[in-house]
Amino acid sequence: MAFRCNICGTRNRLMPEQMSREGGECAGCRSTVRMRSVIRCLSLALFGRSVRLTDLAVDRSIRGAGLSDWDGYATRLTGLFTYANTFYHAEPRLDITNPPEGLFGTVDFVISSDVFEHVAPPVDRAFIGAFNLLKPGGTFVLTVPYFKANETIEHFPNLNDFQVLEFGPDHYLVNRRTDGEYEVFDDIVFHGGAGQTLEMRIFGEADVVLRLQRSGFEKIVIHRENDPAVGIIHREDWALPITAVKPGQAHTRKPRYRGKLRAAGRFLAQRVAG
C-alpha cells in the first residue's frame, strides 16, 4: 500500500499486514496508524477535510492543547498553531482532572491519545476537564484502548491512598481505601514497560460514548472510515479514534496552505477560469 504521511509528508510503501493500530510506521517520522488517525481527526475538525500538516501555513489564531502528546506531531503543531503540549508530571503541567479555571473556554481543540486509561479514578473528572478547556464549538480528539463492550473495567475502583512497590522483578499496588482498609494487587499492568505508566482501566466502547455525553459533549463520532492516502487502514475490532464537540457555534476554517501550494491553487483557478 502506497501512502504519504499526513504528519511529515514522507511517501511510504507498506504491506497491508504491516498495518495495526500501533504499527504501519512511517519511514520518515515513525508515526503509527493511531498517530496519523489523531491528526486526520484534528484536520477534519478544524478544516472539514483531511490535510497534511506539512501542507499548512502558520495560523496562530487556532489554539489547542495536548495531553502528553507524541513529539512527532506535537512539535509540528507547536510550529503551526498556538498549541501547548502539557504533562501531569513535567512542565508545562496540566492536571486534566482539575484544570485551572483561567484556562476554561480558551482552546479550539484538545488532544488526548491513550492517556485516560491511566487517570486515577474517578475518570469522569478528566472528561469534564477536557470539556471545560474547550471553547464553545471546540473539538476533543480522543483515543483510548477499549473493548467492544458496554462496560468499563476498573482495575482499582476504591483507589485512594496508594503506592506501587517493587520486589525484585515483581510490582504490587498497595491501596488504603477511604474506610481505612488495605488492598494489595499483584496482577497490575504497565504501558511502556514494567514500573512505567500504570493501567487503571480497560474502557468499553459504549461507556466511552456515555461518559462523553454525560460530560456535555455532542456530535460524538467514532471514526471507522479508512484514509489510505495518508496511511490509515482500520479494522473493526480496533479501538478507534473518537471526536466530540462542545455545544456552540463550530468554526470550520479554510486551511491556510504554504506558499507553493497557494501559488499552485491560484494557477489552477486561473486555468479553470480561462
C-alpha atoms as a PDB file:
ATOM      1  CA  MET A   1       0.000   0.000   0.000  1.00  0.00           C
ATOM      2  CA  ALA A   2       1.392   3.405  -1.004  1.00  0.00           C
ATOM      3  CA  PHE A   3       0.641   6.449   1.148  1.00  0.00           C
ATOM      4  CA  ARG A   4       2.020   9.847   2.066  1.00  0.00           C
ATOM      5  CA  CYS A   5       2.204  10.537   5.798  1.00  0.00           C
ATOM      6  CA  ASN A   6      -0.113  13.324   6.970  1.00  0.00           C
ATOM      7  CA  ILE A   7       2.375  14.302   9.690  1.00  0.00           C
ATOM      8  CA  CYS A   8       5.775  14.540   7.967  1.00  0.00           C
ATOM      9  CA  GLY A   9       4.841  14.162   4.283  1.00  0.00           C
ATOM     10  CA  THR A  10       7.074  11.140   3.651  1.00  0.00           C
ATOM     11  CA  ARG A  11       5.982   8.758   0.897  1.00  0.00           C
ATOM     12  CA  ASN A  12       5.738   5.145   2.068  1.00  0.00           C
ATOM     13  CA  ARG A  13       5.018   1.686   0.749  1.00  0.00           C
ATOM     14  CA  LEU A  14       3.877  -0.959   3.243  1.00  0.00           C
ATOM     15  CA  MET A  15       2.284  -4.371   3.032  1.00  0.00           C
ATOM     16  CA  PRO A  16      -1.310  -4.404   4.386  1.00  0.00           C
ATOM     17  CA  GLU A  17      -0.352  -6.973   7.018  1.00  0.00           C
ATOM     18  CA  GLN A  18       2.074  -4.419   8.500  1.00  0.00           C
ATOM     19  CA  MET A  19      -0.880  -2.226   9.429  1.00  0.00           C
ATOM     20  CA  SER A  20      -2.042  -2.364  13.028  1.00  0.00           C
ATOM     21  CA  ARG A  21      -3.226   0.269  15.493  1.00  0.00           C
ATOM     22  CA  GLU A  22       0.338   0.641  16.795  1.00  0.00           C
ATOM     23  CA  GLY A  23       2.044  -0.437  13.554  1.00  0.00           C
ATOM     24  CA  GLY A  24       2.337   0.738   9.970  1.00  0.00           C
ATOM     25  CA  GLU A  25       5.222   3.024  10.881  1.00  0.00           C
ATOM     26  CA  CYS A  26       6.113   5.874   8.560  1.00  0.00           C
ATOM     27  CA  ALA A  27       9.704   5.672   7.311  1.00  0.00           C
ATOM     28  CA  GLY A  28      10.130   9.391   7.935  1.00  0.00           C
ATOM     29  CA  CYS A  29       8.667  10.216  11.365  1.00  0.00           C
ATOM     30  CA  ARG A  30       7.852   6.692  12.668  1.00  0.00           C
ATOM     31  CA  SER A  31       4.199   7.604  13.101  1.00  0.00           C
ATOM     32  CA  THR A  32       1.772   4.724  13.555  1.00  0.00           C
ATOM     33  CA  VAL A  33      -1.785   4.341  12.316  1.00  0.00           C
ATOM     34  CA  ARG A  34      -3.049   5.719  15.652  1.00  0.00           C
ATOM     35  CA  MET A  35      -0.914   8.836  15.415  1.00  0.00           C
ATOM     36  CA  ARG A  36      -1.892   9.573  11.825  1.00  0.00           C
ATOM     37  CA  SER A  37      -5.534   8.989  12.787  1.00  0.00           C
ATOM     38  CA  VAL A  38      -5.280  11.633  15.521  1.00  0.00           C
ATOM     39  CA  ILE A  39      -4.026  14.203  13.010  1.00  0.00           C
ATOM     40  CA  ARG A  40      -6.687  13.233  10.477  1.00  0.00           C
ATOM     41  CA  CYS A  41      -9.410  13.709  13.113  1.00  0.00           C
ATOM     42  CA  LEU A  42      -7.949  17.077  14.093  1.00  0.00           C
ATOM     43  CA  SER A  43      -7.806  18.154  10.439  1.00  0.00           C
ATOM     44  CA  LEU A  44     -11.441  17.166   9.881  1.00  0.00           C
ATOM     45  CA  ALA A  45     -12.461  19.105  12.991  1.00  0.00           C
ATOM     46  CA  LEU A  46     -10.592  22.283  12.049  1.00  0.00           C
ATOM     47  CA  PHE A  47     -10.936  22.317   8.267  1.00  0.00           C
ATOM     48  CA  GLY A  48     -13.633  19.798   7.354  1.00  0.00           C
ATOM     49  CA  ARG A  49     -11.173  17.792   5.273  1.00  0.00           C
ATOM     50  CA  SER A  50      -8.067  15.637   5.586  1.00  0.00           C
ATOM     51  CA  VAL A  51      -4.993  17.890   5.296  1.00  0.00           C
ATOM     52  CA  ARG A  52      -1.311  17.052   5.805  1.00  0.00           C
ATOM     53  CA  LEU A  53       0.489  19.131   8.437  1.00  0.00           C
ATOM     54  CA  THR A  54       3.363  19.725   6.024  1.00  0.00           C
ATOM     55  CA  ASP A  55       0.965  21.456   3.589  1.00  0.00           C
ATOM     56  CA  LEU A  56      -0.277  24.006   6.124  1.00  0.00           C
ATOM     57  CA  ALA A  57       0.891  27.551   6.744  1.00  0.00           C
ATOM     58  CA  VAL A  58       1.167  29.000  10.244  1.00  0.00           C
ATOM     59  CA  ASP A  59      -2.148  30.089  11.779  1.00  0.00           C
ATOM     60  CA  ARG A  60      -1.768  31.313  15.355  1.00  0.00           C
ATOM     61  CA  SER A  61      -5.484  32.046  15.608  1.00  0.00           C
ATOM     62  CA  ILE A  62      -6.012  28.308  16.175  1.00  0.00           C
ATOM     63  CA  ARG A  63      -5.444  27.390  19.814  1.00  0.00           C
ATOM     64  CA  GLY A  64      -5.023  23.883  21.167  1.00  0.00           C
ATOM     65  CA  ALA A  65      -3.719  21.711  23.974  1.00  0.00           C
ATOM     66  CA  GLY A  66      -2.282  18.214  24.056  1.00  0.00           C
ATOM     67  CA  LEU A  67      -2.090  15.792  26.957  1.00  0.00           C
ATOM     68  CA  SER A  68       1.329  14.103  26.813  1.00  0.00           C
ATOM     69  CA  ASP A  69       1.166  14.141  23.013  1.00  0.00           C
ATOM     70  CA  TRP A  70       3.671  12.268  20.874  1.00  0.00           C
ATOM     71  CA  ASP A  71       6.594  14.539  19.990  1.00  0.00           C
ATOM     72  CA  GLY A  72       6.373  13.625  16.306  1.00  0.00           C
ATOM     73  CA  TYR A  73       3.189  15.636  15.818  1.00  0.00           C
ATOM     74  CA  ALA A  74       3.377  17.870  18.898  1.00  0.00           C
ATOM     75  CA  THR A  75       6.462  19.642  17.513  1.00  0.00           C
ATOM     76  CA  ARG A  76       4.704  20.320  14.207  1.00  0.00           C
ATOM     77  CA  LEU A  77       1.504  21.516  15.897  1.00  0.00           C
ATOM     78  CA  THR A  78       3.586  23.912  18.012  1.00  0.00           C
ATOM     79  CA  GLY A  79       5.059  25.366  14.839  1.00  0.00           C
ATOM     80  CA  LEU A  80       1.667  25.797  13.166  1.00  0.00           C
ATOM     81  CA  PHE A  81      -0.798  26.831  15.873  1.00  0.00           C
ATOM     82  CA  THR A  82      -0.931  28.384  19.335  1.00  0.00           C
ATOM     83  CA  TYR A  83      -0.594  24.968  20.914  1.00  0.00           C
ATOM     84  CA  ALA A  84       0.885  23.643  24.152  1.00  0.00           C
ATOM     85  CA  ASN A  85       1.738  20.019  24.856  1.00  0.00           C
ATOM     86  CA  THR A  86       1.056  19.578  28.575  1.00  0.00           C
ATOM     87  CA  PHE A  87       2.053  16.929  31.114  1.00  0.00           C
ATOM     88  CA  TYR A  88       0.951  15.710  34.526  1.00  0.00           C
ATOM     89  CA  HIS A  89       4.472  15.255  35.950  1.00  0.00           C
ATOM     90  CA  ALA A  90       6.503  17.769  33.905  1.00  0.00           C
ATOM     91  CA  GLU A  91       6.327  21.331  32.615  1.00  0.00           C
ATOM     92  CA  PRO A  92       4.116  22.709  31.243  1.00  0.00           C
ATOM     93  CA  ARG A  93       1.963  20.966  33.823  1.00  0.00           C
ATOM     94  CA  LEU A  94      -1.764  20.346  33.499  1.00  0.00           C
ATOM     95  CA  ASP A  95      -3.936  18.094  35.638  1.00  0.00           C
ATOM     96  CA  ILE A  96      -6.797  17.374  33.250  1.00  0.00           C
ATOM     97  CA  THR A  97      -8.957  16.257  36.197  1.00  0.00           C
ATOM     98  CA  ASN A  98      -8.652  19.743  37.719  1.00  0.00           C
ATOM     99  CA  PRO A  99      -7.582  22.346  35.140  1.00  0.00           C
ATOM    100  CA  PRO A 100      -7.305  25.978  36.277  1.00  0.00           C
ATOM    101  CA  GLU A 101     -10.475  27.981  35.779  1.00  0.00           C
ATOM    102  CA  GLY A 102      -8.427  30.616  33.986  1.00  0.00           C
ATOM    103  CA  LEU A 103      -7.996  28.140  31.099  1.00  0.00           C
ATOM    104  CA  PHE A 104     -11.698  27.341  30.763  1.00  0.00           C
ATOM    105  CA  GLY A 105     -13.066  28.015  27.286  1.00  0.00           C
ATOM    106  CA  THR A 106      -9.686  29.000  25.802  1.00  0.00           C
ATOM    107  CA  VAL A 107      -8.821  26.349  23.185  1.00  0.00           C
ATOM    108  CA  ASP A 108     -10.263  25.171  19.882  1.00  0.00           C
ATOM    109  CA  PHE A 109      -9.085  21.597  20.351  1.00  0.00           C
ATOM    110  CA  VAL A 110      -7.804  19.183  22.973  1.00  0.00           C
ATOM    111  CA  ILE A 111      -5.934  16.012  22.042  1.00  0.00           C
ATOM    112  CA  SER A 112      -5.727  13.035  24.397  1.00  0.00           C
ATOM    113  CA  SER A 113      -4.247   9.926  22.813  1.00  0.00           C
ATOM    114  CA  ASP A 114      -4.107   6.838  25.047  1.00  0.00           C
ATOM    115  CA  VAL A 115      -3.978   8.839  28.287  1.00  0.00           C
ATOM    116  CA  PHE A 116      -7.337   8.428  30.024  1.00  0.00           C
ATOM    117  CA  GLU A 117      -6.754   4.737  30.782  1.00  0.00           C
ATOM    118  CA  HIS A 118      -4.016   5.941  33.160  1.00  0.00           C
ATOM    119  CA  VAL A 119      -6.027   8.609  35.018  1.00  0.00           C
ATOM    120  CA  ALA A 120      -6.789   7.716  38.636  1.00  0.00           C
ATOM    121  CA  PRO A 121     -10.499   7.154  39.338  1.00  0.00           C
ATOM    122  CA  PRO A 122     -12.996   8.665  39.043  1.00  0.00           C
ATOM    123  CA  VAL A 123     -12.035   9.188  35.383  1.00  0.00           C
ATOM    124  CA  ASP A 124     -15.150  11.281  34.654  1.00  0.00           C
ATOM    125  CA  ARG A 125     -13.221  14.240  36.080  1.00  0.00           C
ATOM    126  CA  ALA A 126     -10.869  14.044  33.091  1.00  0.00           C
ATOM    127  CA  PHE A 127     -13.710  14.086  30.553  1.00  0.00           C
ATOM    128  CA  ILE A 128     -15.218  17.119  32.304  1.00  0.00           C
ATOM    129  CA  GLY A 129     -11.791  18.791  32.423  1.00  0.00           C
ATOM    130  CA  ALA A 130     -11.374  18.443  28.648  1.00  0.00           C
ATOM    131  CA  PHE A 131     -14.888  19.817  28.138  1.00  0.00           C
ATOM    132  CA  ASN A 132     -14.152  22.843  30.324  1.00  0.00           C
ATOM    133  CA  LEU A 133     -10.946  23.729  28.457  1.00  0.00           C
ATOM    134  CA  LEU A 134     -12.683  23.927  25.084  1.00  0.00           C
ATOM    135  CA  LYS A 135     -14.309  26.960  23.557  1.00  0.00           C
ATOM    136  CA  PRO A 136     -17.962  26.503  22.504  1.00  0.00           C
ATOM    137  CA  GLY A 137     -17.799  24.542  19.257  1.00  0.00           C
ATOM    138  CA  GLY A 138     -14.321  23.201  20.110  1.00  0.00           C
ATOM    139  CA  THR A 139     -13.368  19.574  19.481  1.00  0.00           C
ATOM    140  CA  PHE A 140     -11.975  16.871  21.736  1.00  0.00           C
ATOM    141  CA  VAL A 141      -9.831  14.318  19.847  1.00  0.00           C
ATOM    142  CA  LEU A 142      -9.663  11.154  21.938  1.00  0.00           C
ATOM    143  CA  THR A 143      -8.129   7.718  21.665  1.00  0.00           C
ATOM    144  CA  VAL A 144      -8.205   5.112  24.409  1.00  0.00           C
ATOM    145  CA  PRO A 145      -7.743   1.352  24.263  1.00  0.00           C
ATOM    146  CA  TYR A 146     -11.205  -0.160  24.551  1.00  0.00           C
ATOM    147  CA  PHE A 147     -13.124  -3.386  24.089  1.00  0.00           C
ATOM    148  CA  LYS A 148     -16.311  -3.744  22.065  1.00  0.00           C
ATOM    149  CA  ALA A 149     -18.298  -3.817  25.288  1.00  0.00           C
ATOM    150  CA  ASN A 150     -20.782  -1.671  27.175  1.00  0.00           C
ATOM    151  CA  GLU A 151     -18.961  -1.517  30.498  1.00  0.00           C
ATOM    152  CA  THR A 152     -15.551  -0.228  31.554  1.00  0.00           C
ATOM    153  CA  ILE A 153     -13.465  -2.499  33.776  1.00  0.00           C
ATOM    154  CA  GLU A 154     -11.931  -0.532  36.646  1.00  0.00           C
ATOM    155  CA  HIS A 155      -8.852  -2.295  37.996  1.00  0.00           C
ATOM    156  CA  PHE A 156      -8.819  -0.305  41.262  1.00  0.00           C
ATOM    157  CA  PRO A 157     -12.348   1.027  41.876  1.00  0.00           C
ATOM    158  CA  ASN A 158     -11.598   2.021  45.502  1.00  0.00           C
ATOM    159  CA  LEU A 159      -8.277   3.709  44.796  1.00  0.00           C
ATOM    160  CA  ASN A 160      -7.460   6.347  47.399  1.00  0.00           C
ATOM    161  CA  ASP A 161      -4.006   6.484  49.030  1.00  0.00           C
ATOM    162  CA  PHE A 162      -1.753   4.097  47.147  1.00  0.00           C
ATOM    163  CA  GLN A 163       1.814   3.176  46.270  1.00  0.00           C
ATOM    164  CA  VAL A 164       3.345   0.899  43.665  1.00  0.00           C
ATOM    165  CA  LEU A 165       6.026  -1.219  45.305  1.00  0.00           C
ATOM    166  CA  GLU A 166       8.765  -3.210  43.588  1.00  0.00           C
ATOM    167  CA  PHE A 167      10.036  -6.536  44.886  1.00  0.00           C
ATOM    168  CA  GLY A 168      12.679  -7.914  42.567  1.00  0.00           C
ATOM    169  CA  PRO A 169      11.067  -8.394  39.156  1.00  0.00           C
ATOM    170  CA  ASP A 170       7.522  -8.031  40.562  1.00  0.00           C
ATOM    171  CA  HIS A 171       5.387  -4.972  41.208  1.00  0.00           C
ATOM    172  CA  TYR A 172       2.486  -4.601  43.639  1.00  0.00           C
ATOM    173  CA  LEU A 173      -0.064  -1.867  44.225  1.00  0.00           C
ATOM    174  CA  VAL A 174      -0.959  -1.254  47.865  1.00  0.00           C
ATOM    175  CA  ASN A 175      -4.063   0.869  48.438  1.00  0.00           C
ATOM    176  CA  ARG A 176      -5.582   2.238  51.634  1.00  0.00           C
ATOM    177  CA  ARG A 177      -9.267   2.783  50.953  1.00  0.00           C
ATOM    178  CA  THR A 178     -11.282   5.668  52.389  1.00  0.00           C
ATOM    179  CA  ASP A 179     -12.636   3.276  55.061  1.00  0.00           C
ATOM    180  CA  GLY A 180      -9.078   2.551  56.232  1.00  0.00           C
ATOM    181  CA  GLU A 181      -8.898  -0.985  54.855  1.00  0.00           C
ATOM    182  CA  TYR A 182      -5.877  -2.052  52.800  1.00  0.00           C
ATOM    183  CA  GLU A 183      -5.887  -3.770  49.414  1.00  0.00           C
ATOM    184  CA  VAL A 184      -2.949  -5.410  47.641  1.00  0.00           C
ATOM    185  CA  PHE A 185      -2.950  -6.035  43.878  1.00  0.00           C
ATOM    186  CA  ASP A 186      -0.287  -8.225  42.307  1.00  0.00           C
ATOM    187  CA  ASP A 187      -1.645  -8.515  38.764  1.00  0.00           C
ATOM    188  CA  ILE A 188      -1.020  -4.988  37.548  1.00  0.00           C
ATOM    189  CA  VAL A 189      -0.346  -3.809  34.004  1.00  0.00           C
ATOM    190  CA  PHE A 190       2.037  -1.096  32.860  1.00  0.00           C
ATOM    191  CA  HIS A 191       2.282   0.614  29.497  1.00  0.00           C
ATOM    192  CA  GLY A 192       5.789   1.418  28.316  1.00  0.00           C
ATOM    193  CA  GLY A 193       7.457  -1.289  30.390  1.00  0.00           C
ATOM    194  CA  ALA A 194       7.413  -2.548  33.979  1.00  0.00           C
ATOM    195  CA  GLY A 195       7.150   0.231  36.524  1.00  0.00           C
ATOM    196  CA  GLN A 196       6.206   2.865  33.930  1.00  0.00           C
ATOM    197  CA  THR A 197       2.647   4.103  33.328  1.00  0.00           C
ATOM    198  CA  LEU A 198       0.055   2.147  35.290  1.00  0.00           C
ATOM    199  CA  GLU A 199      -3.112   0.967  33.535  1.00  0.00           C
ATOM    200  CA  MET A 200      -6.100   1.953  35.679  1.00  0.00           C
ATOM    201  CA  ARG A 201      -8.881   0.548  33.499  1.00  0.00           C
ATOM    202  CA  ILE A 202      -9.966  -1.005  30.224  1.00  0.00           C
ATOM    203  CA  PHE A 203     -12.732   1.028  28.650  1.00  0.00           C
ATOM    204  CA  GLY A 204     -15.841  -0.338  26.970  1.00  0.00           C
ATOM    205  CA  GLU A 205     -16.671   1.404  23.702  1.00  0.00           C
ATOM    206  CA  ALA A 206     -20.266   2.228  24.650  1.00  0.00           C
ATOM    207  CA  ASP A 207     -19.159   3.501  28.051  1.00  0.00           C
ATOM    208  CA  VAL A 208     -16.678   5.941  26.478  1.00  0.00           C
ATOM    209  CA  VAL A 209     -19.508   7.445  24.425  1.00  0.00           C
ATOM    210  CA  LEU A 210     -21.743   7.600  27.510  1.00  0.00           C
ATOM    211  CA  ARG A 211     -19.070   9.378  29.555  1.00  0.00           C
ATOM    212  CA  LEU A 212     -18.601  11.948  26.785  1.00  0.00           C
ATOM    213  CA  GLN A 213     -22.347  12.552  26.671  1.00  0.00           C
ATOM    214  CA  ARG A 214     -22.569  12.900  30.455  1.00  0.00           C
ATOM    215  CA  SER A 215     -19.751  15.455  30.358  1.00  0.00           C
ATOM    216  CA  GLY A 216     -21.774  17.623  27.982  1.00  0.00           C
ATOM    217  CA  PHE A 217     -20.285  16.716  24.594  1.00  0.00           C
ATOM    218  CA  GLU A 218     -22.335  16.320  21.423  1.00  0.00           C
ATOM    219  CA  LYS A 219     -21.640  15.221  17.829  1.00  0.00           C
ATOM    220  CA  ILE A 220     -19.685  12.221  19.101  1.00  0.00           C
ATOM    221  CA  VAL A 221     -18.156  10.306  16.188  1.00  0.00           C
ATOM    222  CA  ILE A 222     -16.223   7.033  16.234  1.00  0.00           C
ATOM    223  CA  HIS A 223     -14.046   7.301  13.123  1.00  0.00           C
ATOM    224  CA  ARG A 224     -14.361   3.921  11.446  1.00  0.00           C
ATOM    225  CA  GLU A 225     -13.548   5.154   7.924  1.00  0.00           C
ATOM    226  CA  ASN A 226     -10.214   4.438   6.217  1.00  0.00           C
ATOM    227  CA  ASP A 227      -7.984   7.005   4.554  1.00  0.00           C
ATOM    228  CA  PRO A 228      -5.396   5.005   2.578  1.00  0.00           C
ATOM    229  CA  ALA A 229      -3.864   8.146   1.042  1.00  0.00           C
ATOM    230  CA  VAL A 230      -2.385   9.050   4.439  1.00  0.00           C
ATOM    231  CA  GLY A 231      -1.778   5.507   5.667  1.00  0.00           C
ATOM    232  CA  ILE A 232      -4.910   4.860   7.719  1.00  0.00           C
ATOM    233  CA  ILE A 233      -6.484   1.414   7.432  1.00  0.00           C
ATOM    234  CA  HIS A 234      -8.707   0.403  10.362  1.00  0.00           C
ATOM    235  CA  ARG A 235     -10.066  -2.931  11.465  1.00  0.00           C
ATOM    236  CA  GLU A 236     -13.462  -3.045  13.122  1.00  0.00           C
ATOM    237  CA  ASP A 237     -12.086  -4.777  16.236  1.00  0.00           C
ATOM    238  CA  TRP A 238      -9.577  -1.987  16.965  1.00  0.00           C
ATOM    239  CA  ALA A 239     -10.078   0.808  19.464  1.00  0.00           C
ATOM    240  CA  LEU A 240     -10.800   3.615  17.009  1.00  0.00           C
ATOM    241  CA  PRO A 241     -10.322   7.393  17.333  1.00  0.00           C
ATOM    242  CA  ILE A 242     -13.231   9.468  18.612  1.00  0.00           C
ATOM    243  CA  THR A 243     -14.114  13.143  18.260  1.00  0.00           C
ATOM    244  CA  ALA A 244     -16.634  15.014  20.386  1.00  0.00           C
ATOM    245  CA  VAL A 245     -17.739  18.650  20.218  1.00  0.00           C
ATOM    246  CA  LYS A 246     -18.603  21.121  22.951  1.00  0.00           C
ATOM    247  CA  PRO A 247     -22.001  22.669  22.161  1.00  0.00           C
ATOM    248  CA  GLY A 248     -21.780  26.022  20.441  1.00  0.00           C
ATOM    249  CA  GLN A 249     -21.098  27.550  17.056  1.00  0.00           C
ATOM    250  CA  ALA A 250     -18.415  25.435  15.389  1.00  0.00           C
ATOM    251  CA  HIS A 251     -15.840  27.382  13.400  1.00  0.00           C
ATOM    252  CA  THR A 252     -14.735  25.370  10.365  1.00  0.00           C
ATOM    253  CA  ARG A 253     -11.865  27.213   8.730  1.00  0.00           C
ATOM    254  CA  LYS A 254     -10.368  27.209   5.288  1.00  0.00           C
ATOM    255  CA  PRO A 255      -6.870  25.782   5.664  1.00  0.00           C
ATOM    256  CA  ARG A 256      -4.012  28.191   5.054  1.00  0.00           C
ATOM    257  CA  TYR A 257      -1.550  26.491   2.748  1.00  0.00           C
ATOM    258  CA  ARG A 258       2.157  27.107   2.400  1.00  0.00           C
ATOM    259  CA  GLY A 259       3.372  29.410  -0.386  1.00  0.00           C
ATOM    260  CA  LYS A 260       3.959  26.884  -3.165  1.00  0.00           C
ATOM    261  CA  LEU A 261       0.579  25.277  -2.622  1.00  0.00           C
ATOM    262  CA  ARG A 262      -1.177  28.656  -2.646  1.00  0.00           C
ATOM    263  CA  ALA A 263       0.527  29.539  -5.928  1.00  0.00           C
ATOM    264  CA  ALA A 264      -0.477  26.191  -7.434  1.00  0.00           C
ATOM    265  CA  GLY A 265      -4.056  26.777  -6.339  1.00  0.00           C
ATOM    266  CA  ARG A 266      -4.152  30.223  -7.967  1.00  0.00           C
ATOM    267  CA  PHE A 267      -2.657  28.794 -11.160  1.00  0.00           C
ATOM    268  CA  LEU A 268      -5.312  26.060 -11.342  1.00  0.00           C
ATOM    269  CA  ALA A 269      -8.064  28.566 -10.635  1.00  0.00           C
ATOM    270  CA  GLN A 270      -6.843  30.780 -13.462  1.00  0.00           C
ATOM    271  CA  ARG A 271      -6.679  27.847 -15.852  1.00  0.00           C
ATOM    272  CA  VAL A 272     -10.253  26.857 -14.995  1.00  0.00           C
ATOM    273  CA  ALA A 273     -11.471  30.464 -15.314  1.00  0.00           C
ATOM    274  CA  GLY A 274      -9.672  30.880 -18.641  1.00  0.00           C
END
